[in-house]
Amino acid sequence: MVKKILTILEVIEKSSEYLKKKGVPSAKCDVEWIVSSVLKRPRMELFLNYEEVLPQKPLDQIRQLVLSRGKRVPLQHLLGTVQFGGLSLISDSRALIPRPETERLVEVLVNRLSESFKGSIFDLGTGSGAIVLSLCHSLPNSKGFGLEKCKRALSLANENILHCKMENRVKALHYDWEVDKLPEIEIGLIVSNPPYLDITEWESAETEVKQYDPLGALVSKNQGTFDFLQIINLASAKLSKGGILALEFGASHADVALNAMKVLFDVEILKDYNQCRRYAFGTKR
């Protein structure tokens, strides 16, 4: 049987239409990432070569990836990487895929802390290591510790530390904030994107989230407040005067976090790109 000849443009159009029918959000963007990954070219270069005919081998690779995306396998798992905070990180089902909302938290911290920041950064619930690695990448005089209770996620964090060549500055440690004490180290910044979804919110999430993101990285007790309140208590006891606590939480949690933190912290509540009150930035008094 003669194989049909397809240009880059035709592949993008046909694949995008297929993914739209499967209910995939951002179908065209996802296809462009798949094509650029298979061809090993920047996405922008695709637009300059729309009429180029694709050989059969990359065409078959693209087709298989598009079929998997149509089954709602996350794009980041298909590509094997995710871009976050200026780094390319390994991404798979062992840990939560880092979100743009969390990248915004990192941007806020980098803008507020100078490059001369020399403190130790503790990322509680580090998952893939995205937060601590991107902060240490942007704050070259800092040292980082990614703390995580899930052994599978911890293995991914360690792989990302090696992948980013930051093993001299970042360590991943097993830690459960419900049981363990924080290490006896002077801490300049505690940062966390803890679980904060209520179970009903998780039940209404996209297929990619429910099937491929670890439940324990997403859902928290007490309407999603349990874990970030635990972290506030830990930080209140551990941080010295001037120490910083930065948190991400659910869109309905800002007042809960503010009331818990303002006892010992000077607190500012900040908004995400969608203007939701998503983050708390506190300095210990």
C-alpha atoms as a PDB file:
ATOM      1  CA  MET A   1       0.000   0.000   0.000  1.00  0.00           C
ATOM      2  CA  VAL A   2       1.356   3.427  -0.920  1.00  0.00           C
ATOM      3  CA  LYS A   3       1.917   5.680   2.066  1.00  0.00           C
ATOM      4  CA  LYS A   4       0.348   9.124   1.811  1.00  0.00           C
ATOM      5  CA  ILE A   5       2.828  11.992   1.581  1.00  0.00           C
ATOM      6  CA  LEU A   6       2.188  14.662   4.208  1.00  0.00           C
ATOM      7  CA  THR A   7       3.741  18.066   4.825  1.00  0.00           C
ATOM      8  CA  ILE A   8       4.434  19.496   8.276  1.00  0.00           C
ATOM      9  CA  LEU A   9       1.378  21.743   7.936  1.00  0.00           C
ATOM     10  CA  GLU A  10      -0.882  18.830   6.972  1.00  0.00           C
ATOM     11  CA  VAL A  11       0.369  16.750   9.893  1.00  0.00           C
ATOM     12  CA  ILE A  12      -0.298  19.586  12.328  1.00  0.00           C
ATOM     13  CA  GLU A  13      -3.772  20.276  10.924  1.00  0.00           C
ATOM     14  CA  LYS A  14      -4.914  16.639  10.790  1.00  0.00           C
ATOM     15  CA  SER A  15      -3.444  15.783  14.187  1.00  0.00           C
ATOM     16  CA  SER A  16      -4.935  18.888  15.802  1.00  0.00           C
ATOM     17  CA  GLU A  17      -8.373  18.018  14.490  1.00  0.00           C
ATOM     18  CA  TYR A  18      -8.032  14.475  15.826  1.00  0.00           C
ATOM     19  CA  LEU A  19      -7.058  15.690  19.308  1.00  0.00           C
ATOM     20  CA  LYS A  20      -9.882  18.241  19.372  1.00  0.00           C
ATOM     21  CA  LYS A  21     -12.364  15.417  18.735  1.00  0.00           C
ATOM     22  CA  LYS A  22     -10.824  13.558  21.668  1.00  0.00           C
ATOM     23  CA  GLY A  23     -11.414  16.566  23.918  1.00  0.00           C
ATOM     24  CA  VAL A  24      -7.743  17.416  24.399  1.00  0.00           C
ATOM     25  CA  PRO A  25      -7.195  21.007  25.564  1.00  0.00           C
ATOM     26  CA  SER A  26      -4.695  23.087  23.541  1.00  0.00           C
ATOM     27  CA  ALA A  27      -4.714  20.474  20.772  1.00  0.00           C
ATOM     28  CA  LYS A  28      -2.767  22.469  18.166  1.00  0.00           C
ATOM     29  CA  CYS A  29      -0.130  23.569  20.658  1.00  0.00           C
ATOM     30  CA  ASP A  30       0.339  19.971  21.833  1.00  0.00           C
ATOM     31  CA  VAL A  31       0.764  18.744  18.265  1.00  0.00           C
ATOM     32  CA  GLU A  32       3.360  21.408  17.564  1.00  0.00           C
ATOM     33  CA  TRP A  33       5.336  20.296  20.617  1.00  0.00           C
ATOM     34  CA  ILE A  34       5.120  16.667  19.493  1.00  0.00           C
ATOM     35  CA  VAL A  35       6.279  17.482  15.953  1.00  0.00           C
ATOM     36  CA  SER A  36       9.113  19.721  17.132  1.00  0.00           C
ATOM     37  CA  SER A  37      10.237  17.042  19.616  1.00  0.00           C
ATOM     38  CA  VAL A  38      10.295  14.266  17.006  1.00  0.00           C
ATOM     39  CA  LEU A  39      12.034  16.463  14.431  1.00  0.00           C
ATOM     40  CA  LYS A  40      14.336  17.916  17.115  1.00  0.00           C
ATOM     41  CA  ARG A  41      13.637  21.461  15.974  1.00  0.00           C
ATOM     42  CA  PRO A  42      12.338  24.555  17.769  1.00  0.00           C
ATOM     43  CA  ARG A  43       8.591  25.105  17.392  1.00  0.00           C
ATOM     44  CA  MET A  44       9.151  28.428  15.599  1.00  0.00           C
ATOM     45  CA  GLU A  45      11.126  26.630  12.904  1.00  0.00           C
ATOM     46  CA  LEU A  46       8.056  24.564  12.029  1.00  0.00           C
ATOM     47  CA  PHE A  47       6.230  27.686  10.866  1.00  0.00           C
ATOM     48  CA  LEU A  48       9.053  28.450   8.433  1.00  0.00           C
ATOM     49  CA  ASN A  49       8.949  24.955   6.923  1.00  0.00           C
ATOM     50  CA  TYR A  50       5.227  24.180   6.662  1.00  0.00           C
ATOM     51  CA  GLU A  51       5.531  22.777   3.124  1.00  0.00           C
ATOM     52  CA  GLU A  52       8.336  20.353   3.963  1.00  0.00           C
ATOM     53  CA  VAL A  53       7.350  16.719   3.318  1.00  0.00           C
ATOM     54  CA  LEU A  54       8.000  14.443   6.279  1.00  0.00           C
ATOM     55  CA  PRO A  55       9.799  11.109   5.863  1.00  0.00           C
ATOM     56  CA  GLN A  56       7.918   7.993   6.946  1.00  0.00           C
ATOM     57  CA  LYS A  57       9.905   7.286  10.130  1.00  0.00           C
ATOM     58  CA  PRO A  58       9.232  10.608  11.918  1.00  0.00           C
ATOM     59  CA  LEU A  59       5.688  10.531  10.550  1.00  0.00           C
ATOM     60  CA  ASP A  60       5.110   7.172  12.258  1.00  0.00           C
ATOM     61  CA  GLN A  61       6.642   8.470  15.495  1.00  0.00           C
ATOM     62  CA  ILE A  62       4.404  11.532  15.456  1.00  0.00           C
ATOM     63  CA  ARG A  63       1.343   9.403  14.736  1.00  0.00           C
ATOM     64  CA  GLN A  64       2.014   7.136  17.738  1.00  0.00           C
ATOM     65  CA  LEU A  65       2.525  10.100  20.064  1.00  0.00           C
ATOM     66  CA  VAL A  66      -0.642  11.796  18.816  1.00  0.00           C
ATOM     67  CA  LEU A  67      -2.617   8.586  19.368  1.00  0.00           C
ATOM     68  CA  SER A  68      -1.288   8.394  22.930  1.00  0.00           C
ATOM     69  CA  ARG A  69      -2.149  12.049  23.530  1.00  0.00           C
ATOM     70  CA  GLY A  70      -5.639  11.269  22.254  1.00  0.00           C
ATOM     71  CA  LYS A  71      -5.864   8.686  25.051  1.00  0.00           C
ATOM     72  CA  ARG A  72      -5.103  11.624  27.388  1.00  0.00           C
ATOM     73  CA  VAL A  73      -1.562  10.654  28.294  1.00  0.00           C
ATOM     74  CA  PRO A  74      -0.069  14.005  29.406  1.00  0.00           C
ATOM     75  CA  LEU A  75       2.070  15.757  26.815  1.00  0.00           C
ATOM     76  CA  GLN A  76       4.939  16.106  29.289  1.00  0.00           C
ATOM     77  CA  HIS A  77       5.018  12.348  29.852  1.00  0.00           C
ATOM     78  CA  LEU A  78       5.055  11.708  26.113  1.00  0.00           C
ATOM     79  CA  LEU A  79       7.926  14.131  25.558  1.00  0.00           C
ATOM     80  CA  GLY A  80       9.655  12.984  28.749  1.00  0.00           C
ATOM     81  CA  THR A  81      10.461  16.533  29.808  1.00  0.00           C
ATOM     82  CA  VAL A  82       8.837  19.739  30.984  1.00  0.00           C
ATOM     83  CA  GLN A  83      10.211  23.277  30.743  1.00  0.00           C
ATOM     84  CA  PHE A  84      10.104  25.028  34.106  1.00  0.00           C
ATOM     85  CA  GLY A  85      11.901  28.037  35.528  1.00  0.00           C
ATOM     86  CA  GLY A  86      14.551  28.063  32.835  1.00  0.00           C
ATOM     87  CA  LEU A  87      15.280  24.342  33.171  1.00  0.00           C
ATOM     88  CA  SER A  88      14.369  21.216  31.245  1.00  0.00           C
ATOM     89  CA  LEU A  89      13.204  18.629  33.784  1.00  0.00           C
ATOM     90  CA  ILE A  90      12.441  14.935  33.450  1.00  0.00           C
ATOM     91  CA  SER A  91       8.693  14.375  33.758  1.00  0.00           C
ATOM     92  CA  ASP A  92       6.770  11.145  34.317  1.00  0.00           C
ATOM     93  CA  SER A  93       4.048   9.623  36.482  1.00  0.00           C
ATOM     94  CA  ARG A  94       6.221   9.480  39.613  1.00  0.00           C
ATOM     95  CA  ALA A  95       5.410  13.088  40.507  1.00  0.00           C
ATOM     96  CA  LEU A  96       3.019  15.913  39.767  1.00  0.00           C
ATOM     97  CA  ILE A  97       3.667  17.730  36.503  1.00  0.00           C
ATOM     98  CA  PRO A  98       4.781  21.243  37.542  1.00  0.00           C
ATOM     99  CA  ARG A  99       2.155  23.829  36.588  1.00  0.00           C
ATOM    100  CA  PRO A 100       2.418  27.406  35.268  1.00  0.00           C
ATOM    101  CA  GLU A 101       0.899  28.586  38.569  1.00  0.00           C
ATOM    102  CA  THR A 102       3.859  27.130  40.423  1.00  0.00           C
ATOM    103  CA  GLU A 103       6.303  28.622  37.936  1.00  0.00           C
ATOM    104  CA  ARG A 104       4.719  31.987  38.763  1.00  0.00           C
ATOM    105  CA  LEU A 105       5.514  31.393  42.450  1.00  0.00           C
ATOM    106  CA  VAL A 106       9.154  30.806  41.514  1.00  0.00           C
ATOM    107  CA  GLU A 107       9.187  34.019  39.439  1.00  0.00           C
ATOM    108  CA  VAL A 108       7.844  35.998  42.387  1.00  0.00           C
ATOM    109  CA  LEU A 109      10.512  34.631  44.700  1.00  0.00           C
ATOM    110  CA  VAL A 110      13.356  35.233  42.249  1.00  0.00           C
ATOM    111  CA  ASN A 111      12.195  38.826  41.750  1.00  0.00           C
ATOM    112  CA  ARG A 112      12.023  39.428  45.500  1.00  0.00           C
ATOM    113  CA  LEU A 113      15.293  37.755  46.431  1.00  0.00           C
ATOM    114  CA  SER A 114      18.528  39.143  45.039  1.00  0.00           C
ATOM    115  CA  GLU A 115      21.114  36.929  43.361  1.00  0.00           C
ATOM    116  CA  SER A 116      23.248  37.457  46.459  1.00  0.00           C
ATOM    117  CA  PHE A 117      20.753  35.428  48.542  1.00  0.00           C
ATOM    118  CA  LYS A 118      22.909  32.885  50.386  1.00  0.00           C
ATOM    119  CA  GLY A 119      20.322  31.122  52.507  1.00  0.00           C
ATOM    120  CA  SER A 120      19.259  27.514  52.458  1.00  0.00           C
ATOM    121  CA  ILE A 121      16.043  26.842  50.552  1.00  0.00           C
ATOM    122  CA  PHE A 122      13.753  24.089  51.807  1.00  0.00           C
ATOM    123  CA  ASP A 123      11.132  22.912  49.310  1.00  0.00           C
ATOM    124  CA  LEU A 124       8.551  20.864  51.210  1.00  0.00           C
ATOM    125  CA  GLY A 125       6.852  18.240  49.053  1.00  0.00           C
ATOM    126  CA  THR A 126       9.388  18.726  46.303  1.00  0.00           C
ATOM    127  CA  GLY A 127       7.939  16.122  43.897  1.00  0.00           C
ATOM    128  CA  SER A 128      10.023  16.335  40.724  1.00  0.00           C
ATOM    129  CA  GLY A 129      12.315  18.905  42.356  1.00  0.00           C
ATOM    130  CA  ALA A 130      11.061  21.660  40.066  1.00  0.00           C
ATOM    131  CA  ILE A 131      10.779  24.464  42.632  1.00  0.00           C
ATOM    132  CA  VAL A 132      14.055  23.973  44.481  1.00  0.00           C
ATOM    133  CA  LEU A 133      16.040  23.361  41.294  1.00  0.00           C
ATOM    134  CA  SER A 134      14.669  26.398  39.477  1.00  0.00           C
ATOM    135  CA  LEU A 135      15.216  28.636  42.516  1.00  0.00           C
ATOM    136  CA  CYS A 136      18.806  27.471  42.965  1.00  0.00           C
ATOM    137  CA  HIS A 137      19.338  27.893  39.227  1.00  0.00           C
ATOM    138  CA  SER A 138      18.279  31.555  39.462  1.00  0.00           C
ATOM    139  CA  LEU A 139      19.856  32.221  42.877  1.00  0.00           C
ATOM    140  CA  PRO A 140      23.438  30.994  42.337  1.00  0.00           C
ATOM    141  CA  ASN A 141      24.617  31.594  45.908  1.00  0.00           C
ATOM    142  CA  SER A 142      21.879  29.521  47.518  1.00  0.00           C
ATOM    143  CA  LYS A 143      21.713  25.871  48.510  1.00  0.00           C
ATOM    144  CA  GLY A 144      18.584  23.771  48.244  1.00  0.00           C
ATOM    145  CA  PHE A 145      16.931  20.830  49.953  1.00  0.00           C
ATOM    146  CA  GLY A 146      13.967  19.101  48.367  1.00  0.00           C
ATOM    147  CA  LEU A 147      11.976  17.219  51.006  1.00  0.00           C
ATOM    148  CA  GLU A 148       9.542  14.502  49.912  1.00  0.00           C
ATOM    149  CA  LYS A 149       7.789  11.547  51.574  1.00  0.00           C
ATOM    150  CA  CYS A 150       6.917   9.622  48.390  1.00  0.00           C
ATOM    151  CA  LYS A 151       9.855   7.388  47.446  1.00  0.00           C
ATOM    152  CA  ARG A 152       8.883   7.319  43.760  1.00  0.00           C
ATOM    153  CA  ALA A 153       8.803  11.112  43.588  1.00  0.00           C
ATOM    154  CA  LEU A 154      12.065  11.275  45.514  1.00  0.00           C
ATOM    155  CA  SER A 155      13.743   9.079  42.902  1.00  0.00           C
ATOM    156  CA  LEU A 156      12.576  11.478  40.173  1.00  0.00           C
ATOM    157  CA  ALA A 157      13.844  14.483  42.129  1.00  0.00           C
ATOM    158  CA  ASN A 158      17.259  12.843  42.434  1.00  0.00           C
ATOM    159  CA  GLU A 159      17.312  12.146  38.698  1.00  0.00           C
ATOM    160  CA  ASN A 160      16.483  15.775  37.989  1.00  0.00           C
ATOM    161  CA  ILE A 161      19.241  16.968  40.307  1.00  0.00           C
ATOM    162  CA  LEU A 162      21.734  14.939  38.259  1.00  0.00           C
ATOM    163  CA  HIS A 163      20.052  15.924  34.989  1.00  0.00           C
ATOM    164  CA  CYS A 164      20.492  19.613  35.876  1.00  0.00           C
ATOM    165  CA  LYS A 165      24.052  19.008  37.144  1.00  0.00           C
ATOM    166  CA  MET A 166      23.210  20.576  40.504  1.00  0.00           C
ATOM    167  CA  GLU A 167      24.218  17.754  42.840  1.00  0.00           C
ATOM    168  CA  ASN A 168      26.763  20.022  44.566  1.00  0.00           C
ATOM    169  CA  ARG A 169      24.060  22.507  45.599  1.00  0.00           C
ATOM    170  CA  VAL A 170      20.772  20.602  45.838  1.00  0.00           C
ATOM    171  CA  LYS A 171      19.905  17.519  47.897  1.00  0.00           C
ATOM    172  CA  ALA A 172      16.687  15.505  47.921  1.00  0.00           C
ATOM    173  CA  LEU A 173      15.744  14.030  51.307  1.00  0.00           C
ATOM    174  CA  HIS A 174      12.998  11.739  52.561  1.00  0.00           C
ATOM    175  CA  TYR A 175      10.668  13.696  54.840  1.00  0.00           C
ATOM    176  CA  ASP A 176       7.074  13.489  56.084  1.00  0.00           C
ATOM    177  CA  TRP A 177       5.829  16.746  57.616  1.00  0.00           C
ATOM    178  CA  GLU A 178       3.199  14.888  59.647  1.00  0.00           C
ATOM    179  CA  VAL A 179       5.872  12.875  61.444  1.00  0.00           C
ATOM    180  CA  ASP A 180       9.403  14.200  60.980  1.00  0.00           C
ATOM    181  CA  LYS A 181      11.173  17.268  62.319  1.00  0.00           C
ATOM    182  CA  LEU A 182      12.990  19.607  59.964  1.00  0.00           C
ATOM    183  CA  PRO A 183      16.790  19.122  59.837  1.00  0.00           C
ATOM    184  CA  GLU A 184      18.874  21.180  62.226  1.00  0.00           C
ATOM    185  CA  ILE A 185      20.001  23.627  59.562  1.00  0.00           C
ATOM    186  CA  GLU A 186      19.547  27.389  59.433  1.00  0.00           C
ATOM    187  CA  ILE A 187      16.822  28.000  56.845  1.00  0.00           C
ATOM    188  CA  GLY A 188      16.426  31.195  54.843  1.00  0.00           C
ATOM    189  CA  LEU A 189      13.374  30.194  52.811  1.00  0.00           C
ATOM    190  CA  ILE A 190      10.686  27.548  53.148  1.00  0.00           C
ATOM    191  CA  VAL A 191       8.638  27.168  49.976  1.00  0.00           C
ATOM    192  CA  SER A 192       5.914  24.694  49.130  1.00  0.00           C
ATOM    193  CA  ASN A 193       3.260  23.764  46.625  1.00  0.00           C
ATOM    194  CA  PRO A 194       1.516  21.216  48.862  1.00  0.00           C
ATOM    195  CA  PRO A 195      -1.607  19.185  48.090  1.00  0.00           C
ATOM    196  CA  TYR A 196      -4.589  21.547  48.336  1.00  0.00           C
ATOM    197  CA  LEU A 197      -7.489  20.077  46.363  1.00  0.00           C
ATOM    198  CA  ASP A 198     -10.625  18.819  48.026  1.00  0.00           C
ATOM    199  CA  ILE A 199     -11.568  15.329  46.846  1.00  0.00           C
ATOM    200  CA  THR A 200     -14.600  16.723  44.984  1.00  0.00           C
ATOM    201  CA  GLU A 201     -12.319  19.114  43.071  1.00  0.00           C
ATOM    202  CA  TRP A 202     -10.108  16.191  42.104  1.00  0.00           C
ATOM    203  CA  GLU A 203     -13.131  14.218  40.906  1.00  0.00           C
ATOM    204  CA  SER A 204     -14.039  17.013  38.476  1.00  0.00           C
ATOM    205  CA  ALA A 205     -10.458  17.419  37.158  1.00  0.00           C
ATOM    206  CA  GLU A 206      -9.292  16.576  33.625  1.00  0.00           C
ATOM    207  CA  THR A 207      -8.589  12.938  32.737  1.00  0.00           C
ATOM    208  CA  GLU A 208      -4.839  13.616  32.605  1.00  0.00           C
ATOM    209  CA  VAL A 209      -4.876  14.741  36.230  1.00  0.00           C
ATOM    210  CA  LYS A 210      -6.959  11.865  37.599  1.00  0.00           C
ATOM    211  CA  GLN A 211      -5.157   9.097  35.711  1.00  0.00           C
ATOM    212  CA  TYR A 212      -1.539  10.266  35.677  1.00  0.00           C
ATOM    213  CA  ASP A 213      -0.860  12.710  38.536  1.00  0.00           C
ATOM    214  CA  PRO A 214      -0.319  11.090  41.969  1.00  0.00           C
ATOM    215  CA  LEU A 215      -3.420  11.548  44.125  1.00  0.00           C
ATOM    216  CA  GLY A 216      -1.303  12.239  47.206  1.00  0.00           C
ATOM    217  CA  ALA A 217       0.319  15.228  45.519  1.00  0.00           C
ATOM    218  CA  LEU A 218      -3.050  16.841  44.875  1.00  0.00           C
ATOM    219  CA  VAL A 219      -5.663  16.075  47.519  1.00  0.00           C
ATOM    220  CA  SER A 220      -5.571  17.284  51.110  1.00  0.00           C
ATOM    221  CA  LYS A 221      -7.908  16.782  54.058  1.00  0.00           C
ATOM    222  CA  ASN A 222     -10.131  19.452  55.622  1.00  0.00           C
ATOM    223  CA  GLN A 223     -11.327  20.950  52.338  1.00  0.00           C
ATOM    224  CA  GLY A 224      -7.768  21.087  51.046  1.00  0.00           C
ATOM    225  CA  THR A 225      -6.302  23.076  53.954  1.00  0.00           C
ATOM    226  CA  PHE A 226      -4.638  20.390  56.081  1.00  0.00           C
ATOM    227  CA  ASP A 227      -1.212  20.249  54.476  1.00  0.00           C
ATOM    228  CA  PHE A 228      -0.493  23.942  53.999  1.00  0.00           C
ATOM    229  CA  LEU A 229      -1.578  24.620  57.601  1.00  0.00           C
ATOM    230  CA  GLN A 230       0.883  21.938  58.724  1.00  0.00           C
ATOM    231  CA  ILE A 231       3.630  23.712  56.800  1.00  0.00           C
ATOM    232  CA  ILE A 232       2.725  27.080  58.304  1.00  0.00           C
ATOM    233  CA  ASN A 233       3.060  25.539  61.784  1.00  0.00           C
ATOM    234  CA  LEU A 234       6.429  24.008  60.912  1.00  0.00           C
ATOM    235  CA  ALA A 235       7.739  27.246  59.435  1.00  0.00           C
ATOM    236  CA  SER A 236       6.483  29.261  62.399  1.00  0.00           C
ATOM    237  CA  ALA A 237       8.505  27.071  64.763  1.00  0.00           C
ATOM    238  CA  LYS A 238      11.613  26.698  62.596  1.00  0.00           C
ATOM    239  CA  LEU A 239      12.278  29.998  60.833  1.00  0.00           C
ATOM    240  CA  SER A 240      14.280  32.723  62.558  1.00  0.00           C
ATOM    241  CA  LYS A 241      13.475  36.419  62.338  1.00  0.00           C
ATOM    242  CA  GLY A 242      13.677  37.493  58.697  1.00  0.00           C
ATOM    243  CA  GLY A 243      13.116  33.973  57.396  1.00  0.00           C
ATOM    244  CA  ILE A 244      10.692  33.644  54.503  1.00  0.00           C
ATOM    245  CA  LEU A 245       7.729  31.336  53.949  1.00  0.00           C
ATOM    246  CA  ALA A 246       6.202  31.142  50.447  1.00  0.00           C
ATOM    247  CA  LEU A 247       3.145  29.004  49.749  1.00  0.00           C
ATOM    248  CA  GLU A 248       0.859  28.092  46.903  1.00  0.00           C
ATOM    249  CA  PHE A 249      -2.727  27.103  47.763  1.00  0.00           C
ATOM    250  CA  GLY A 250      -6.221  26.813  46.321  1.00  0.00           C
ATOM    251  CA  ALA A 251      -8.214  29.760  45.019  1.00  0.00           C
ATOM    252  CA  SER A 252     -10.516  29.696  48.078  1.00  0.00           C
ATOM    253  CA  HIS A 253      -7.760  29.341  50.677  1.00  0.00           C
ATOM    254  CA  ALA A 254      -6.169  32.794  50.795  1.00  0.00           C
ATOM    255  CA  ASP A 255      -7.949  34.010  53.929  1.00  0.00           C
ATOM    256  CA  VAL A 256      -7.264  30.743  55.767  1.00  0.00           C
ATOM    257  CA  ALA A 257      -3.553  31.006  54.978  1.00  0.00           C
ATOM    258  CA  LEU A 258      -3.452  34.720  55.817  1.00  0.00           C
ATOM    259  CA  ASN A 259      -5.089  34.240  59.225  1.00  0.00           C
ATOM    260  CA  ALA A 260      -2.748  31.364  60.096  1.00  0.00           C
ATOM    261  CA  MET A 261       0.410  33.208  59.024  1.00  0.00           C
ATOM    262  CA  LYS A 262      -0.240  36.732  60.293  1.00  0.00           C
ATOM    263  CA  VAL A 263       0.301  35.694  63.920  1.00  0.00           C
ATOM    264  CA  LEU A 264       4.073  35.470  63.365  1.00  0.00           C
ATOM    265  CA  PHE A 265       4.650  36.703  59.810  1.00  0.00           C
ATOM    266  CA  ASP A 266       4.303  39.917  57.868  1.00  0.00           C
ATOM    267  CA  VAL A 267       2.194  38.495  55.047  1.00  0.00           C
ATOM    268  CA  GLU A 268       1.307  39.481  51.523  1.00  0.00           C
ATOM    269  CA  ILE A 269      -1.233  37.574  49.441  1.00  0.00           C
ATOM    270  CA  LEU A 270      -0.381  37.550  45.732  1.00  0.00           C
ATOM    271  CA  LYS A 271      -2.401  36.663  42.629  1.00  0.00           C
ATOM    272  CA  ASP A 272      -1.678  34.205  39.837  1.00  0.00           C
ATOM    273  CA  TYR A 273      -1.977  34.934  36.108  1.00  0.00           C
ATOM    274  CA  ASN A 274      -5.753  34.446  36.317  1.00  0.00           C
ATOM    275  CA  GLN A 275      -6.025  36.983  39.125  1.00  0.00           C
ATOM    276  CA  CYS A 276      -6.790  34.320  41.747  1.00  0.00           C
ATOM    277  CA  ARG A 277      -5.347  34.880  45.221  1.00  0.00           C
ATOM    278  CA  ARG A 278      -2.971  31.936  44.957  1.00  0.00           C
ATOM    279  CA  TYR A 279       0.191  32.620  46.993  1.00  0.00           C
ATOM    280  CA  ALA A 280       1.276  33.826  50.420  1.00  0.00           C
ATOM    281  CA  PHE A 281       4.645  35.497  50.915  1.00  0.00           C
ATOM    282  CA  GLY A 282       5.558  35.944  54.580  1.00  0.00           C
ATOM    283  CA  THR A 283       8.581  37.271  56.474  1.00  0.00           C
ATOM    284  CA  LYS A 284       9.030  36.058  60.053  1.00  0.00           C
ATOM    285  CA  ARG A 285       8.836  38.877  62.599  1.00  0.00           C
END
